[in-house]
């Protein structure tokens, strides 16, 4: 069972860049605070330990690598669907 100190969180944005990029990341208590803030702001939070592990080495503002495109695209398509939006 994961403890709060083992918790990790990564926030991804797909905006003006050619690929989604990491806009925030945290671990432990800061990760829980990041998740709580996202939920308070009614932002979607997805629990995917494998994807978090794959993104753990990325730096802030770094675009996700091509090998993660499919996994992140699935998450982003779900987020767009929830919002009733279509990506540009």
C-alpha atoms as a PDB file:
ATOM      1  CA  UNK A   1       0.000   0.000   0.000  1.00  0.00           C
ATOM      2  CA  UNK A   2       1.289   3.415  -0.941  1.00  0.00           C
ATOM      3  CA  UNK A   3       1.909   5.899   1.825  1.00  0.00           C
ATOM      4  CA  UNK A   4       1.591   9.671   1.354  1.00  0.00           C
ATOM      5  CA  UNK A   5       5.369   9.987   1.093  1.00  0.00           C
ATOM      6  CA  UNK A   6       5.320   7.575  -1.885  1.00  0.00           C
ATOM      7  CA  UNK A   7       2.662   9.573  -3.739  1.00  0.00           C
ATOM      8  CA  UNK A   8       3.633  11.295  -6.991  1.00  0.00           C
ATOM      9  CA  UNK A   9       1.694  13.690  -9.198  1.00  0.00           C
ATOM     10  CA  UNK A  10       2.325  15.205 -12.624  1.00  0.00           C
ATOM     11  CA  UNK A  11       0.238  17.885 -14.332  1.00  0.00           C
ATOM     12  CA  UNK A  12       0.259  17.976 -18.120  1.00  0.00           C
ATOM     13  CA  UNK A  13      -0.939  20.729 -20.436  1.00  0.00           C
ATOM     14  CA  UNK A  14      -1.554  20.582 -24.140  1.00  0.00           C
ATOM     15  CA  UNK A  15      -1.477  24.141 -25.345  1.00  0.00           C
ATOM     16  CA  UNK A  16       0.707  26.061 -27.755  1.00  0.00           C
ATOM     17  CA  UNK A  17       3.504  23.498 -28.026  1.00  0.00           C
ATOM     18  CA  UNK A  18       3.675  20.691 -30.555  1.00  0.00           C
ATOM     19  CA  UNK A  19       3.258  18.092 -27.791  1.00  0.00           C
ATOM     20  CA  UNK A  20       1.806  18.027 -24.265  1.00  0.00           C
ATOM     21  CA  UNK A  21       4.254  19.239 -21.652  1.00  0.00           C
ATOM     22  CA  UNK A  22       4.774  18.875 -17.920  1.00  0.00           C
ATOM     23  CA  UNK A  23       3.571  21.985 -16.091  1.00  0.00           C
ATOM     24  CA  UNK A  24       3.850  20.730 -12.500  1.00  0.00           C
ATOM     25  CA  UNK A  25       5.144  17.725 -10.617  1.00  0.00           C
ATOM     26  CA  UNK A  26       5.456  16.808  -6.978  1.00  0.00           C
ATOM     27  CA  UNK A  27       5.918  13.941  -4.571  1.00  0.00           C
ATOM     28  CA  UNK A  28       4.810  13.140  -1.039  1.00  0.00           C
ATOM     29  CA  UNK A  29       2.708  15.712   0.779  1.00  0.00           C
ATOM     30  CA  UNK A  30       3.184  18.229  -2.047  1.00  0.00           C
ATOM     31  CA  UNK A  31       1.717  15.706  -4.495  1.00  0.00           C
ATOM     32  CA  UNK A  32      -1.348  15.285  -2.267  1.00  0.00           C
ATOM     33  CA  UNK A  33      -1.719  19.076  -2.064  1.00  0.00           C
ATOM     34  CA  UNK A  34      -1.417  19.303  -5.854  1.00  0.00           C
ATOM     35  CA  UNK A  35      -4.124  16.657  -6.285  1.00  0.00           C
ATOM     36  CA  UNK A  36      -6.378  18.301  -3.684  1.00  0.00           C
ATOM     37  CA  UNK A  37      -5.987  21.678  -5.406  1.00  0.00           C
ATOM     38  CA  UNK A  38      -6.839  20.165  -8.790  1.00  0.00           C
ATOM     39  CA  UNK A  39      -9.963  18.567  -7.328  1.00  0.00           C
ATOM     40  CA  UNK A  40     -10.939  21.859  -5.637  1.00  0.00           C
ATOM     41  CA  UNK A  41     -10.602  23.557  -9.042  1.00  0.00           C
ATOM     42  CA  UNK A  42     -12.698  20.764 -10.616  1.00  0.00           C
ATOM     43  CA  UNK A  43      -9.794  19.626 -12.781  1.00  0.00           C
ATOM     44  CA  UNK A  44      -9.747  15.955 -13.797  1.00  0.00           C
ATOM     45  CA  UNK A  45      -7.388  13.762 -11.796  1.00  0.00           C
ATOM     46  CA  UNK A  46      -6.400  10.415 -13.257  1.00  0.00           C
ATOM     47  CA  UNK A  47      -4.770   7.680 -11.197  1.00  0.00           C
ATOM     48  CA  UNK A  48      -2.263   5.896 -13.453  1.00  0.00           C
ATOM     49  CA  UNK A  49       0.855   4.770 -11.553  1.00  0.00           C
ATOM     50  CA  UNK A  50       2.498   3.383 -14.703  1.00  0.00           C
ATOM     51  CA  UNK A  51       2.173   6.671 -16.565  1.00  0.00           C
ATOM     52  CA  UNK A  52       3.409   8.633 -13.545  1.00  0.00           C
ATOM     53  CA  UNK A  53       6.438   6.349 -13.327  1.00  0.00           C
ATOM     54  CA  UNK A  54       7.135   6.835 -17.048  1.00  0.00           C
ATOM     55  CA  UNK A  55       6.915  10.622 -16.644  1.00  0.00           C
ATOM     56  CA  UNK A  56       8.911  10.814 -13.414  1.00  0.00           C
ATOM     57  CA  UNK A  57      12.180  11.783 -15.114  1.00  0.00           C
ATOM     58  CA  UNK A  58      10.685  14.646 -17.127  1.00  0.00           C
ATOM     59  CA  UNK A  59      11.492  18.230 -16.195  1.00  0.00           C
ATOM     60  CA  UNK A  60       9.069  21.140 -15.865  1.00  0.00           C
ATOM     61  CA  UNK A  61       8.042  22.573 -19.245  1.00  0.00           C
ATOM     62  CA  UNK A  62       9.526  19.561 -21.012  1.00  0.00           C
ATOM     63  CA  UNK A  63       7.422  18.075 -23.784  1.00  0.00           C
ATOM     64  CA  UNK A  64       6.494  14.460 -23.253  1.00  0.00           C
ATOM     65  CA  UNK A  65       8.595  12.021 -25.291  1.00  0.00           C
ATOM     66  CA  UNK A  66       7.129  10.379 -28.360  1.00  0.00           C
ATOM     67  CA  UNK A  67       6.899   6.974 -26.666  1.00  0.00           C
ATOM     68  CA  UNK A  68       4.313   8.439 -24.246  1.00  0.00           C
ATOM     69  CA  UNK A  69       2.152  10.135 -26.910  1.00  0.00           C
ATOM     70  CA  UNK A  70      -0.442   7.365 -27.041  1.00  0.00           C
ATOM     71  CA  UNK A  71      -0.873   7.066 -23.260  1.00  0.00           C
ATOM     72  CA  UNK A  72      -1.135  10.817 -22.747  1.00  0.00           C
ATOM     73  CA  UNK A  73      -3.452  11.160 -25.770  1.00  0.00           C
ATOM     74  CA  UNK A  74      -5.851   8.658 -24.191  1.00  0.00           C
ATOM     75  CA  UNK A  75      -5.928  10.693 -20.976  1.00  0.00           C
ATOM     76  CA  UNK A  76      -6.318  14.012 -22.803  1.00  0.00           C
ATOM     77  CA  UNK A  77      -9.080  12.673 -25.050  1.00  0.00           C
ATOM     78  CA  UNK A  78     -10.971  11.569 -21.937  1.00  0.00           C
ATOM     79  CA  UNK A  79     -10.527  15.043 -20.414  1.00  0.00           C
ATOM     80  CA  UNK A  80     -11.784  16.747 -23.594  1.00  0.00           C
ATOM     81  CA  UNK A  81     -14.750  14.335 -23.701  1.00  0.00           C
ATOM     82  CA  UNK A  82     -15.620  15.122 -20.058  1.00  0.00           C
ATOM     83  CA  UNK A  83     -15.620  18.833 -20.854  1.00  0.00           C
ATOM     84  CA  UNK A  84     -17.619  18.392 -24.048  1.00  0.00           C
ATOM     85  CA  UNK A  85     -14.770  19.957 -26.012  1.00  0.00           C
ATOM     86  CA  UNK A  86     -12.886  19.098 -29.174  1.00  0.00           C
ATOM     87  CA  UNK A  87      -9.130  19.720 -29.286  1.00  0.00           C
ATOM     88  CA  UNK A  88      -7.905  22.363 -31.723  1.00  0.00           C
END
